């Protein structure tokens, strides 16, 4: 045997480098997490704009498709990005919140940004973030928030890649959302409903006014189905800034929709043509509408809405779409679905999708809700489609206590249909047992928050995004 040189071989060196990379990634994430959390909005673009200016405005280095709304933003963003990539463009995708890993928020060509690129972008922006922090604190203001820093990292990473186009989902609202330092050439507005009232206002009109702020001068505004008063506000904003509106139901929309194995078959009228027999591997009529919005947005971006897309590109792009945590099957026997619905509008879409796309003999709900959400209304909306509910909590510090949630559920479902379990793993086991009672083909639905969907995915060993 040849004597050892005492130096690590290539495999050992690589393993050591990967260990160091993971350690540094954890450190970076903890530094970002130490900032004001993203659900505490600091309504100003001053801090993020200052950092962008110091960096040379990287958000202006690529065109942006900007996506806002109350529900459907993430799915629509993912559909737009997938179609653009199928059309041969290099893409950046920004979504929030993440399910398992902060890097999911910043995707390059459909994949979470590699740790080394995330760290490099963070270390590039950090000196400027610290400069802005110091100035803001000296003037009696806050440091940059968690969300603001992640947005800065995303825009820096997209510029460095570089990407041909970035598809950017707002975090909350529109006008004051940190992502809005970018000017979208296409502004997308999915359906607007009540959510985050503490920050955005207590009426859909207030919320629509805030979200309309992403519609910029000269943009094409792709607007999903809205309440009439919301559409009016969005059209007024478009006229005010000289944007071109395209409203679902008149400029584009779903022509036909049928159930299919593993999803649905949809035909869509786009801005410049009809696209028939598109397979979409997602469930629910709302996803069909999201697909129509996404298709119109891509038409608007690639050809100004005046030339049709290649039908083969559209079919291939939609066939490969995924939206983790959105009515997603994560286990069979019994079937376990997870859905990130966290407000009444999301619960309405979820109920309709269950009635439309699934035929379980009985469905057991695993419900865990954040304390600042309208748990009562969500429970009422889901009551007709859930035979029993197991109420519990996630690990989130914002989670409503199982006891309080159980009291609300009992008033709506009755004592015989409600079980209170303190831990999510035990709740999932209990629900699976209830679904199998009597030998019927039952299913389990875990919902109530994005955290609920994420933690159930992890418990069942599903981590792919």
Protein backbone atom coordinates (compact mmCIF):
# COMPACT_ATOMS: atom_id res chain seq x y z
CA UNK A 1 0.00 0.00 0.00
CA UNK A 2 1.37 3.42 -0.97
CA UNK A 3 2.11 5.68 1.98
CA UNK A 4 -0.36 8.49 2.63
CA UNK A 5 0.84 11.95 1.66
CA UNK A 6 -1.04 13.40 4.64
CA UNK A 7 -3.05 15.63 2.31
CA UNK A 8 -6.84 15.23 1.90
CA UNK A 9 -7.95 13.70 -1.37
CA UNK A 10 -10.35 15.51 -3.68
CA UNK A 11 -13.45 13.85 -2.18
CA UNK A 12 -12.44 14.81 1.36
CA UNK A 13 -11.71 18.36 0.30
CA UNK A 14 -15.04 18.63 -1.49
CA UNK A 15 -16.87 17.30 1.58
CA UNK A 16 -15.10 19.84 3.79
CA UNK A 17 -15.99 22.67 1.42
CA UNK A 18 -19.64 21.61 1.36
CA UNK A 19 -19.74 21.47 5.14
CA UNK A 20 -18.30 24.97 5.34
CA UNK A 21 -20.79 26.17 2.73
CA UNK A 22 -23.75 24.79 4.68
CA UNK A 23 -22.41 26.37 7.86
CA UNK A 24 -22.06 29.78 6.21
CA UNK A 25 -25.54 29.46 4.67
CA UNK A 26 -27.01 28.82 8.13
CA UNK A 27 -25.16 31.86 9.49
CA UNK A 28 -26.47 34.07 6.69
CA UNK A 29 -30.04 32.88 7.19
CA UNK A 30 -29.82 33.54 10.92
CA UNK A 31 -28.53 37.05 10.28
CA UNK A 32 -31.49 37.75 8.01
CA UNK A 33 -33.97 36.14 10.41
CA UNK A 34 -32.73 38.40 13.20
CA UNK A 35 -34.33 41.34 11.40
CA UNK A 36 -37.97 42.47 11.66
CA UNK A 37 -40.08 39.59 10.30
CA UNK A 38 -41.77 39.93 6.94
CA UNK A 39 -45.29 39.98 8.37
CA UNK A 40 -44.40 43.28 10.09
CA UNK A 41 -44.46 45.63 7.13
CA UNK A 42 -42.48 48.90 7.35
CA UNK A 43 -44.43 50.93 4.74
CA UNK A 44 -41.69 52.78 2.92
CA UNK A 45 -39.56 52.19 -0.16
CA UNK A 46 -36.87 54.59 1.10
CA UNK A 47 -34.57 51.95 2.62
CA UNK A 48 -34.69 49.40 -0.21
CA UNK A 49 -34.43 52.18 -2.81
CA UNK A 50 -31.34 53.54 -1.07
CA UNK A 51 -29.67 50.13 -1.12
CA UNK A 52 -30.55 49.63 -4.78
CA UNK A 53 -29.08 53.03 -5.67
CA UNK A 54 -25.86 52.23 -3.83
CA UNK A 55 -25.66 48.94 -5.74
CA UNK A 56 -26.16 50.67 -9.08
CA UNK A 57 -29.86 49.77 -9.39
CA UNK A 58 -29.50 46.08 -10.31
CA UNK A 59 -33.31 45.80 -10.60
CA UNK A 60 -33.04 47.86 -13.80
CA UNK A 61 -30.65 45.39 -15.43
CA UNK A 62 -33.47 43.09 -16.59
CA UNK A 63 -37.16 43.41 -17.50
CA UNK A 64 -39.67 42.44 -14.81
CA UNK A 65 -43.10 40.84 -14.82
CA UNK A 66 -44.56 41.94 -11.49
CA UNK A 67 -47.34 39.89 -9.86
CA UNK A 68 -49.70 40.98 -7.08
CA UNK A 69 -53.15 39.95 -5.80
CA UNK A 70 -54.50 38.23 -2.70
CA UNK A 71 -54.56 34.56 -3.72
CA UNK A 72 -52.98 32.71 -6.61
CA UNK A 73 -49.87 34.89 -6.82
CA UNK A 74 -47.33 32.14 -6.30
CA UNK A 75 -48.99 29.64 -8.66
CA UNK A 76 -49.38 32.31 -11.34
CA UNK A 77 -45.78 33.43 -10.92
CA UNK A 78 -44.57 29.86 -11.31
CA UNK A 79 -46.71 29.37 -14.44
CA UNK A 80 -45.41 32.56 -16.04
CA UNK A 81 -41.82 31.62 -15.30
CA UNK A 82 -42.25 28.10 -16.67
CA UNK A 83 -43.74 29.36 -19.93
CA UNK A 84 -40.94 31.91 -20.36
CA UNK A 85 -38.33 29.24 -19.76
CA UNK A 86 -40.01 26.94 -22.28
CA UNK A 87 -39.81 29.82 -24.76
CA UNK A 88 -36.03 29.79 -24.36
CA UNK A 89 -35.53 32.69 -21.96
CA UNK A 90 -33.22 32.69 -18.93
CA UNK A 91 -35.35 33.44 -15.89
CA UNK A 92 -35.25 34.71 -12.36
CA UNK A 93 -38.23 33.98 -10.12
CA UNK A 94 -38.99 35.61 -6.79
CA UNK A 95 -41.76 34.21 -4.59
CA UNK A 96 -42.63 34.32 -0.90
CA UNK A 97 -42.90 32.94 1.64
CA UNK A 98 -40.87 29.75 1.27
CA UNK A 99 -41.95 26.28 2.30
CA UNK A 100 -38.68 24.76 3.52
CA UNK A 101 -35.61 26.77 2.53
CA UNK A 102 -35.09 30.51 2.12
CA UNK A 103 -33.34 29.84 -1.20
CA UNK A 104 -36.70 28.78 -2.72
CA UNK A 105 -37.65 32.46 -2.86
CA UNK A 106 -34.92 33.22 -5.39
CA UNK A 107 -34.93 30.80 -8.32
CA UNK A 108 -32.66 30.82 -11.36
CA UNK A 109 -34.09 29.00 -14.36
CA UNK A 110 -36.65 27.26 -12.18
CA UNK A 111 -34.26 26.00 -9.49
CA UNK A 112 -33.62 27.48 -6.03
CA UNK A 113 -30.51 29.63 -6.12
CA UNK A 114 -27.41 27.59 -5.16
CA UNK A 115 -26.07 28.32 -1.66
CA UNK A 116 -22.82 29.78 -2.96
CA UNK A 117 -24.70 32.25 -5.19
CA UNK A 118 -27.06 33.23 -2.38
CA UNK A 119 -24.11 33.84 -0.05
CA UNK A 120 -22.20 35.80 -2.71
CA UNK A 121 -25.20 38.06 -3.41
CA UNK A 122 -25.82 38.57 0.31
CA UNK A 123 -22.21 39.49 0.95
CA UNK A 124 -22.31 41.91 -2.00
CA UNK A 125 -25.34 43.77 -0.64
CA UNK A 126 -24.53 43.57 3.09
CA UNK A 127 -22.17 46.59 3.30
CA UNK A 128 -24.82 48.77 1.66
CA UNK A 129 -27.57 47.35 3.85
CA UNK A 130 -25.51 48.21 6.90
CA UNK A 131 -24.95 51.75 5.62
CA UNK A 132 -28.69 52.23 5.15
CA UNK A 133 -29.40 50.63 8.54
CA UNK A 134 -27.08 53.09 10.25
CA UNK A 135 -28.60 56.12 8.52
CA UNK A 136 -32.17 54.98 9.22
CA UNK A 137 -31.51 54.24 12.90
CA UNK A 138 -29.67 57.58 13.34
CA UNK A 139 -32.79 59.29 12.00
CA UNK A 140 -35.05 57.38 14.40
CA UNK A 141 -36.21 54.79 11.88
CA UNK A 142 -35.93 50.99 11.70
CA UNK A 143 -33.25 48.76 10.26
CA UNK A 144 -34.09 47.07 7.00
CA UNK A 145 -36.54 44.22 7.44
CA UNK A 146 -36.07 40.52 6.66
CA UNK A 147 -38.11 40.91 3.47
CA UNK A 148 -36.29 44.03 2.28
CA UNK A 149 -32.92 42.30 2.60
CA UNK A 150 -34.11 39.20 0.71
CA UNK A 151 -35.45 41.42 -2.09
CA UNK A 152 -32.08 43.17 -2.32
CA UNK A 153 -30.33 39.79 -2.51
CA UNK A 154 -32.74 38.62 -5.22
CA UNK A 155 -32.29 41.63 -7.46
CA UNK A 156 -28.52 41.49 -7.05
CA UNK A 157 -28.49 37.77 -7.88
CA UNK A 158 -30.69 38.23 -10.96
CA UNK A 159 -28.45 41.01 -12.28
CA UNK A 160 -25.34 38.94 -11.64
CA UNK A 161 -26.70 35.77 -13.31
CA UNK A 162 -27.73 37.57 -15.59
CA UNK A 163 -31.34 36.74 -16.45
CA UNK A 164 -33.36 37.68 -19.52
CA UNK A 165 -36.44 38.37 -17.40
CA UNK A 166 -37.46 38.21 -13.74
CA UNK A 167 -40.94 37.19 -12.61
CA UNK A 168 -41.45 38.84 -9.23
CA UNK A 169 -44.26 38.17 -6.75
CA UNK A 170 -44.96 40.93 -4.26
CA UNK A 171 -44.67 40.04 -0.59
CA UNK A 172 -47.63 42.07 0.65
CA UNK A 173 -49.65 44.77 -1.05
CA UNK A 174 -47.99 46.62 -3.89
CA UNK A 175 -47.12 50.32 -3.63
CA UNK A 176 -45.01 49.96 -0.50
CA UNK A 177 -43.84 46.40 -1.11
CA UNK A 178 -40.04 46.24 -1.32
CA UNK A 179 -40.24 44.52 -4.71
CA UNK A 180 -41.83 47.69 -6.13
CA UNK A 181 -38.48 49.42 -6.58
CA UNK A 182 -38.57 47.57 -9.91
CA UNK A 183 -40.82 48.79 -12.71
CA UNK A 184 -42.65 45.88 -14.32
CA UNK A 185 -43.10 46.01 -18.08
CA UNK A 186 -46.05 43.71 -17.35
CA UNK A 187 -48.08 44.09 -14.15
CA UNK A 188 -50.26 41.13 -13.17
CA UNK A 189 -53.11 41.37 -10.67
CA UNK A 190 -54.68 38.09 -9.53
CA UNK A 191 -58.04 38.22 -7.68
CA UNK A 192 -58.08 40.64 -4.75
CA UNK A 193 -59.86 39.92 -1.47
CA UNK A 194 -59.50 40.79 2.20
CA UNK A 195 -56.19 39.80 3.82
CA UNK A 196 -53.50 41.56 5.85
CA UNK A 197 -56.09 44.21 6.80
CA UNK A 198 -53.79 45.57 9.51
CA UNK A 199 -51.42 46.85 6.83
CA UNK A 200 -53.45 47.07 3.63
CA UNK A 201 -56.85 48.36 4.78
CA UNK A 202 -60.19 46.96 5.87
CA UNK A 203 -61.98 47.03 2.50
CA UNK A 204 -61.26 45.50 -0.89
CA UNK A 205 -61.16 49.04 -2.27
CA UNK A 206 -58.34 50.00 0.13
CA UNK A 207 -56.44 46.82 -0.69
CA UNK A 208 -56.94 47.28 -4.44
CA UNK A 209 -55.62 50.82 -4.23
CA UNK A 210 -52.47 49.58 -2.52
CA UNK A 211 -51.96 46.69 -4.95
CA UNK A 212 -52.59 48.92 -7.98
CA UNK A 213 -49.28 50.61 -7.19
CA UNK A 214 -47.34 48.01 -9.18
CA UNK A 215 -48.96 49.22 -12.42
CA UNK A 216 -46.35 51.56 -13.90
CA UNK A 217 -46.14 53.95 -16.82
CA UNK A 218 -46.28 52.23 -20.19
CA UNK A 219 -46.84 48.75 -18.72
CA UNK A 220 -49.40 46.21 -19.82
CA UNK A 221 -51.66 45.43 -16.86
CA UNK A 222 -53.04 41.88 -16.94
CA UNK A 223 -56.01 41.84 -14.57
CA UNK A 224 -57.73 38.69 -13.33
CA UNK A 225 -61.43 38.42 -12.44
CA UNK A 226 -62.24 40.98 -9.74
CA UNK A 227 -65.15 42.54 -7.91
CA UNK A 228 -66.48 45.45 -10.05
CA UNK A 229 -65.24 48.08 -7.59
CA UNK A 230 -61.77 46.54 -7.68
CA UNK A 231 -61.65 46.46 -11.48
CA UNK A 232 -62.64 50.13 -11.52
CA UNK A 233 -59.75 51.07 -9.24
CA UNK A 234 -57.24 49.09 -11.29
CA UNK A 235 -58.48 50.60 -14.56
CA UNK A 236 -58.27 54.09 -13.06
CA UNK A 237 -54.67 53.43 -12.08
CA UNK A 238 -53.85 52.16 -15.56
CA UNK A 239 -55.36 55.28 -17.15
CA UNK A 240 -53.54 57.52 -14.69
CA UNK A 241 -50.08 56.14 -15.56
CA UNK A 242 -50.67 55.40 -19.23
CA UNK A 243 -50.67 51.61 -18.87
CA UNK A 244 -52.61 49.30 -21.20
CA UNK A 245 -55.15 47.15 -19.35
CA UNK A 246 -56.13 43.61 -20.35
CA UNK A 247 -59.01 42.31 -18.24
CA UNK A 248 -59.97 38.67 -17.86
CA UNK A 249 -63.43 38.04 -19.26
CA UNK A 250 -63.02 40.51 -22.11
CA UNK A 251 -59.42 40.54 -23.34
CA UNK A 252 -58.68 36.92 -22.38
CA UNK A 253 -60.08 34.05 -20.36
CA UNK A 254 -60.84 30.35 -19.92
CA UNK A 255 -62.84 28.92 -22.84
CA UNK A 256 -63.31 25.37 -21.59
CA UNK A 257 -62.17 23.20 -18.77
CA UNK A 258 -62.43 19.45 -18.07
CA UNK A 259 -61.06 17.18 -15.39
CA UNK A 260 -58.13 14.99 -16.38
CA UNK A 261 -56.06 12.37 -14.62
CA UNK A 262 -53.57 14.26 -12.49
CA UNK A 263 -55.05 17.68 -13.15
CA UNK A 264 -57.22 19.32 -15.79
CA UNK A 265 -57.49 20.07 -19.50
CA UNK A 266 -58.07 23.74 -20.30
CA UNK A 267 -58.61 25.82 -23.41
CA UNK A 268 -57.73 29.48 -23.10
CA UNK A 269 -58.38 32.59 -25.16
CA UNK A 270 -55.22 34.66 -24.95
CA UNK A 271 -54.59 38.26 -25.93
CA UNK A 272 -53.72 37.21 -29.47
CA UNK A 273 -55.19 33.79 -30.09
CA UNK A 274 -56.84 30.65 -28.75
CA UNK A 275 -54.87 27.82 -27.16
CA UNK A 276 -56.80 24.57 -26.97
CA UNK A 277 -56.36 21.34 -25.03
CA UNK A 278 -53.66 22.41 -22.58
CA UNK A 279 -52.91 19.89 -19.84
CA UNK A 280 -52.37 21.54 -16.45
CA UNK A 281 -51.19 19.19 -13.67
CA UNK A 282 -52.91 21.25 -10.94
CA UNK A 283 -56.37 20.94 -9.40
CA UNK A 284 -59.24 23.40 -9.20
CA UNK A 285 -60.99 25.91 -11.43
CA UNK A 286 -58.95 28.68 -9.82
CA UNK A 287 -55.80 27.17 -11.30
CA UNK A 288 -57.42 27.28 -14.73
CA UNK A 289 -57.94 31.01 -14.24
CA UNK A 290 -54.37 31.40 -13.01
CA UNK A 291 -53.22 29.68 -16.21
CA UNK A 292 -55.21 32.13 -18.34
CA UNK A 293 -53.65 35.07 -16.48
CA UNK A 294 -50.17 33.58 -16.84
CA UNK A 295 -50.60 32.98 -20.56
CA UNK A 296 -51.82 36.54 -21.14
CA UNK A 297 -48.87 37.89 -19.15
CA UNK A 298 -46.37 35.96 -21.28
CA UNK A 299 -48.10 37.09 -24.50
CA UNK A 300 -47.91 40.67 -23.21
CA UNK A 301 -44.21 40.32 -22.44
CA UNK A 302 -43.01 38.49 -25.53
CA UNK A 303 -45.09 40.14 -28.22
CA UNK A 304 -46.87 43.02 -26.58
CA UNK A 305 -50.02 40.93 -26.71
CA UNK A 306 -50.14 41.17 -30.48
CA UNK A 307 -48.75 37.85 -31.62
CA UNK A 308 -49.66 34.33 -30.50
CA UNK A 309 -47.20 32.06 -28.77
CA UNK A 310 -46.12 28.75 -30.25
CA UNK A 311 -48.79 26.26 -29.17
CA UNK A 312 -46.19 23.53 -28.62
CA UNK A 313 -44.25 25.81 -26.28
CA UNK A 314 -47.42 26.62 -24.34
CA UNK A 315 -48.45 22.96 -24.06
CA UNK A 316 -45.00 21.85 -22.96
CA UNK A 317 -44.67 24.69 -20.45
CA UNK A 318 -48.02 24.13 -18.76
CA UNK A 319 -47.52 20.34 -18.67
CA UNK A 320 -44.41 20.87 -16.51
CA UNK A 321 -45.90 23.41 -14.10
CA UNK A 322 -45.83 22.64 -10.39
CA UNK A 323 -47.08 24.60 -7.39
CA UNK A 324 -45.92 22.90 -4.17
CA UNK A 325 -48.27 23.22 -1.23
CA UNK A 326 -51.25 24.14 -3.40
CA UNK A 327 -53.79 21.28 -3.26
CA UNK A 328 -50.84 18.95 -3.56
CA UNK A 329 -51.03 15.18 -3.03
CA UNK A 330 -48.15 14.29 -0.71
CA UNK A 331 -49.12 10.72 0.23
CA UNK A 332 -51.34 7.86 -0.87
CA UNK A 333 -53.26 5.34 1.24
CA UNK A 334 -54.79 7.30 2.73
CA UNK A 335 -54.43 10.20 0.35
CA UNK A 336 -53.03 13.26 2.12
CA UNK A 337 -53.48 16.66 0.48
CA UNK A 338 -51.84 19.87 1.63
CA UNK A 339 -53.05 23.34 0.76
CA UNK A 340 -51.67 26.71 1.82
CA UNK A 341 -55.07 28.45 2.07
CA UNK A 342 -54.77 30.98 4.90
CA UNK A 343 -57.66 33.38 4.39
CA UNK A 344 -61.37 33.11 3.50
CA UNK A 345 -60.85 33.67 -0.23
CA UNK A 346 -58.26 30.89 -0.29
CA UNK A 347 -60.63 28.61 1.65
CA UNK A 348 -63.40 29.30 -0.91
CA UNK A 349 -61.11 28.28 -3.77
CA UNK A 350 -60.01 25.20 -1.83
CA UNK A 351 -63.57 24.08 -1.13
CA UNK A 352 -64.57 24.53 -4.77
CA UNK A 353 -61.51 22.57 -5.91
CA UNK A 354 -62.27 19.69 -3.52
CA UNK A 355 -65.84 19.51 -4.77
CA UNK A 356 -64.67 19.74 -8.36
CA UNK A 357 -61.66 17.46 -8.50
CA UNK A 358 -61.87 14.83 -5.73
CA UNK A 359 -64.37 12.16 -4.77
CA UNK A 360 -63.43 10.86 -1.33
CA UNK A 361 -65.97 8.89 0.72
CA UNK A 362 -64.93 11.08 3.65
CA UNK A 363 -62.42 13.85 4.19
CA UNK A 364 -60.73 14.61 7.49
CA UNK A 365 -59.31 18.09 7.89
CA UNK A 366 -56.10 18.81 9.78
CA UNK A 367 -56.45 22.50 10.56
CA UNK A 368 -53.75 24.77 11.99
CA UNK A 369 -54.20 28.53 11.61
CA UNK A 370 -52.17 31.60 12.52
CA UNK A 371 -53.66 33.71 15.29
CA UNK A 372 -54.03 36.86 13.15
CA UNK A 373 -56.18 35.12 10.51
CA UNK A 374 -59.96 34.76 10.25
CA UNK A 375 -60.13 31.19 11.51
CA UNK A 376 -63.89 31.25 12.09
CA UNK A 377 -64.75 32.15 8.52
CA UNK A 378 -62.26 29.64 7.12
CA UNK A 379 -63.76 26.86 9.26
CA UNK A 380 -67.27 27.83 8.16
CA UNK A 381 -66.32 27.80 4.48
CA UNK A 382 -64.71 24.36 4.71
CA UNK A 383 -67.44 22.78 6.88
CA UNK A 384 -69.53 21.37 3.98
CA UNK A 385 -66.58 19.40 2.57
CA UNK A 386 -64.98 18.13 5.80
CA UNK A 387 -66.57 15.21 7.64
CA UNK A 388 -64.42 15.76 10.72
CA UNK A 389 -61.59 18.09 11.71
CA UNK A 390 -58.50 17.56 13.82
CA UNK A 391 -57.38 20.98 15.01
CA UNK A 392 -53.78 21.49 16.03
CA UNK A 393 -50.91 23.95 15.69
CA UNK A 394 -47.68 24.32 13.77
CA UNK A 395 -44.32 25.30 15.23
CA UNK A 396 -44.90 28.94 14.23
CA UNK A 397 -44.86 31.36 17.18
CA UNK A 398 -47.84 33.05 15.50
CA UNK A 399 -49.97 29.88 15.62
CA UNK A 400 -53.39 29.93 17.28
CA UNK A 401 -53.57 27.55 20.23
CA UNK A 402 -55.29 24.20 19.51
CA UNK A 403 -57.66 24.78 22.42
CA UNK A 404 -58.86 28.15 21.11
CA UNK A 405 -59.14 26.83 17.57
CA UNK A 406 -60.99 23.77 18.87
CA UNK A 407 -63.54 25.99 20.62
CA UNK A 408 -64.21 27.82 17.36
CA UNK A 409 -64.46 24.57 15.42
CA UNK A 410 -66.87 23.00 17.94
CA UNK A 411 -69.31 25.88 17.51
CA UNK A 412 -69.39 25.24 13.76
CA UNK A 413 -68.95 21.44 13.43
CA UNK A 414 -70.31 20.19 16.76
CA UNK A 415 -68.37 18.24 19.39
CA UNK A 416 -68.63 14.89 17.61
CA UNK A 417 -66.78 16.17 14.54
CA UNK A 418 -63.89 17.94 16.30
CA UNK A 419 -60.73 16.48 17.81
CA UNK A 420 -58.12 18.68 19.48
CA UNK A 421 -54.50 17.50 19.31
CA UNK A 422 -51.61 19.61 20.53
CA UNK A 423 -48.92 18.46 18.10
CA UNK A 424 -49.10 18.38 14.31
CA UNK A 425 -47.46 14.93 13.89
CA UNK A 426 -50.00 13.37 16.26
CA UNK A 427 -52.82 15.26 14.56
CA UNK A 428 -51.77 13.90 11.19
CA UNK A 429 -51.69 10.34 12.54
CA UNK A 430 -55.11 10.78 14.15
CA UNK A 431 -56.59 12.15 10.92
CA UNK A 432 -55.16 9.27 8.88
CA UNK A 433 -56.80 6.81 11.28
CA UNK A 434 -60.14 8.60 11.04
CA UNK A 435 -59.94 8.66 7.24
CA UNK A 436 -59.53 4.87 7.17
CA UNK A 437 -62.37 4.15 9.63
CA UNK A 438 -64.91 1.68 8.32
CA UNK A 439 -62.71 0.69 5.40
CA UNK A 440 -63.87 3.60 3.25
CA UNK A 441 -61.64 5.42 0.77
CA UNK A 442 -61.07 8.51 2.87
CA UNK A 443 -58.65 11.37 2.49
CA UNK A 444 -56.85 13.87 4.70
CA UNK A 445 -56.62 17.59 3.96
CA UNK A 446 -54.02 19.61 5.89
CA UNK A 447 -54.56 23.35 5.57
CA UNK A 448 -54.89 26.68 7.36
CA UNK A 449 -51.53 28.28 6.64
CA UNK A 450 -48.46 28.00 4.45
CA UNK A 451 -46.62 26.75 7.53
CA UNK A 452 -49.16 23.93 7.91
CA UNK A 453 -48.61 22.80 4.34
CA UNK A 454 -44.84 23.03 4.71
CA UNK A 455 -44.63 21.10 7.98
CA UNK A 456 -46.91 18.29 6.78
CA UNK A 457 -44.80 17.99 3.61
CA UNK A 458 -41.69 17.58 5.75
CA UNK A 459 -43.36 15.08 8.06
CA UNK A 460 -44.19 12.93 5.03
CA UNK A 461 -40.72 13.28 3.52
CA UNK A 462 -41.66 15.62 0.66
CA UNK A 463 -39.14 18.41 0.15
CA UNK A 464 -39.00 18.98 -3.61
CA UNK A 465 -40.03 22.47 -4.74
